[in-house]
Amino acid sequence: MVLRVRVTVFVLLLLPVLIHSLDDQVWMVTGVSGRTIDLPCYYNPRTAGDTPKLILWYKKGDRSPVFRYDGRESQEKDSVRAESLMSTSRGTATLTLARITLLHAGIYECRVEFFRSPTHTSLVNLTVVETPRNVEVLDRRSGPPKHGVLGPYQEGMMVIFTCLARDGWPLPNVTWWRGKKMLDGGWEVSGPSLVRNDLVVSRLSRDWHNDTLTCIASNTHLVPPISVSTIIHMYLLPTSVIISGPAVAREGEHLRLRCTSRGSRPSALLTWMMRDSPVPAEKENTVYGRVTSSTLLINVTREDNSAKVTCRAANPAMPGSPITNTTKLNVHYPPSVHASLGRSLQPGMLKEGDDVYFTCSVDANPPATSINWYHEGGSQVQNVTAGIIISGDSLVIQRAHRSRSGKYSCLATNTLATVASNPVTLRIRYAPECSTSPTTYFIYDRPIKVTCTVSSFPPVTAIQWQWNSSVEVLRTTAVIHYLDQATAYLHVYPKHEQEDRALSCWAINQMGIQQKPCAFSVKVAKMPLPLSSCGLANITASSLSLTCQRPHTPAFGTALYRAEVYLENNTLFANVTSSTPSFKVSRLDADTIYQIKVYVTYGPVTSQPVVVSAVTSRTTHVPRDAVRGTRASNVGGVLGGVVVTAAVVGGVVWTQHYYTQHCRGNTPTPAPTKHDTRQTSDDTNPDVVPDVGELEH
C-alpha cells in the first residue's frame, strides 16, 4: 500500500488590501508575514509645479523616521527596516517593506515637505497576518496517515477523522472537504494556538475508495490557505470484469484484447487463459483510478478462429471470490491467391493457334467477391470475338497469338484486401519475324554496316544474308540476343560498278525459317554540287549575313549545311551546322578580312566548299565596300561571284579526278578512306548562328 501526505499551496498572490478610512486620513493596509508590502502616500502640492523637498516616514511610537528621503541629498535607511525602499512618482511616495513580521504592524505616518507648498501628512494602518504553522489530519483509531493514506477500511464501518491547525494569527477557520464539497465547517479551540475539527462518517460506502479527504485552514484571503489531503483506501471485491477489443481479427496482425475490472481494492489480479491454457499478458494489472486493466497481445493465425479467450479477476486480499469473462475470436484473413496454367498444358510446347487457359486458386475469409485477370499489368475483359473468355476463377485464350505472350496474374478481392497472385509466364512459340521496316543505306567511298533485327521464340539459331542479284547465301556468325530479339550485322564495301543493289536477311529457329525476309536497299551516293549564288548582306563592324542557293541535285538523304569562318591568316574563327544555307556571323572585329567556306552534306558525302571573302566596316554603319577590293555593294557581289565560280570549277575538276582514281582498280578498296581533317562543327559557339529569317522561311 502506498501512503502519502499532500500539502496543497495555491500559487495565488493577492495584492494588499487598501481600505480608505471614513475620515479620509488613514489608509488600512493588510499584509502577510514573510512577504513584501507597499505603504502608499498620496500628495498633491497646492503650488503648481512644486516638488517634494523632504519625505519622512514614521512608525507610531518611534521617534526616528523609518525612512527619510531628501531631494537635496542621497537616500538613507534606518535600523528598523534595513531593506525598506521608497519609490516616488508624480503625486505618490510609496514605502516598500520586505519580509514583514508581526513587529511591522502599526500606524505609519508619511510627511511630505515641499519647496513652496504647505506640508502634507497622511496615515497608514498596517495589519500583519501570520498563517498557521502546520495542519495535521488523523484517524482517531489508527492515528495519522501512512504515506498520505488512511485505511484500508471495510464497507459500512464508522470512522472519525480529526484535523488540527497550530499557531497563526488571527486563529484560522478549519474545514473538511471531499473533492469540491465541504463536509464539516464547525471547529473549536482546544488549546493555546490550537484549532480542532472532527469529521464523523457513520457509514463508509464503496464510493469512498480512493477518494481524497482534505482539511483546509485559512485566516486570510491574501494568500492561499494551507491544506492537507489524504486518500481513503478500502477492501473491495471486483464488481465487474469486461473483455474489450476488435470484434474481428485479421490474420498476421497483432490483436490487442483489454480486460477491465472495476471496484476491487486492492487492485484486482487479472490473468488470461486461451484454450484453457494460461497466456502471458502484454501489460499486467495497470491501474487507472478505480479501474484495473490488463492487455493481451495475440499474433492471430487462421487456426485461432473460434478460439475462447478468458479473463479472470480476483482481489489478492480475497482470492477465493474471482469473477471471469470469456470471448470468442473471429479471425478474418485476406485472400491467398495462386495463378497457374491449366494442368493439361505443357508450357514449353505452346505455339500459335493453341488454346490456353489459366486457373486462379483463392482461399479467403470472407470469401472473395471478385477475381480479375491481368496481362502485363493490363486488365483483361471478356471478349469472345477476340478469343478471351473469363469464367469464375478461369481465364481462357482461344487460338493464342504471339502477342498474348507475357506475364499473367489474377487479383482476388474480399472485404479485407485485394491480393495479387504470383505471375505466370506464357511463352508462345513462333518462327522468326522481321522487327525492322525496309531500310535504305547510302554508300560512297567507305564501308557501311547493315543491321538485321528479328524477333522469335525460341531464340534464333542463325541469321543469313543474300544479295537479290546473287544465289550465294551469307551466314552471320555473331548474333546478339536481347529478350526475344536477335541482331546481326553485315559490312558492305563500295563496288566499282557504282550501282544500286537490294539485300535481304532471314533467321532460323526451332519453329522453322523466317517466311518473310527483311529487305534493305544499298544505293550509291552521288557527290553533291557545291552551293551557288552566295551573297553577303547586313555587313557591320561586328557582324554580317551570308545566304546561298541550294544546288539542284536530287536528294538522297538529309541535307546539312556547314559554314567555316577563317581569319586572314587561315586560322579557323568559328563553324556551325545548319539545316538551311543561311548564316549570320557576329562578334567580328571592325575593318577585318574574313574568309567563309560553306559546304553541303548529303548522307556520307560532303561537297566542295564555296569560299566567300568579306571585310567588316570600320564603323557601325554599313560600309559601301563590304567585300575586299570593291567600292560598292554591287562590285562586292561580282567579286563574290568570281570567288564562288572559281571554287565551283575547282570542285568539279577535283570530283572527276577523285572518281577516276577510285574506279581504276578491279576490286573495291576494303580499307576506309582518310577522314576529313577539318575541325568538327561546334554548335555551341555563339559566334556563327543560322539566320533565323532563313530558318523560318
Foldseek 3Di string as FASTA:
>chain_A
DAAAKDKDFDPDFFAWDWDQDPVNFETETEEEAQAKHKDKDFDDFPDPPWDFQKKFKCFPPDPHTQWIDGPVDHTDGDPVAPPWDWDDDVRIIMIMGGRDDQVPFGKMKMWTHIPPGHIDIGIYGYHYWYAFPDKFKAWPPPTGIDNQADDADEFFAKTKMKMKTAAIPPQWFKWKDFVPRTDDRDWDDDDVRMIMDIDIDRTHHLVLAQTKMKMWTDDDPRTGTIMMIGHYHYAWWWPDKDKDFDQEAEAQDKTKIKIKTFSGPPQWWKWKAKLNHTDDFPATQDDDRRMTMTIHIDNDHPVQAQIKMKMWTGHPVGRPDIDMDIDTYHYWYWKDKAKDWDPPDDQVPAAAQAKTKMFIDIDGVVAFPDKWKDFPNHTDDDDVVQQWDDDDRMTMRGRDDQVSFGWMWMWTDDPPDIDIHDTDTHGHFDWKDWPDAEEEAEDEAAKDKDKTKIFGPPEFPWKWKDWPVDPDIHTFPDWDDDDRMIMGIDIDGDWLVQAKTKMWMWTADPNGTHPDTHIYIYHYDDADAWWAQWAWDPFAQFKIKIATHHDPDDAPAQKKKKKWKAFPVRHTDAMAIDSHRIKMFGRHHGQGKMKMWMWMDHRPHIAFTFIQIFTGHNHGDGAQCGGPPDRHRVVSSVVSNVSRVVRRVVRVVVVVVVSVVQNPDNGHDNHGDDDDPDDDHDNVDPRMDGDPVRVVD
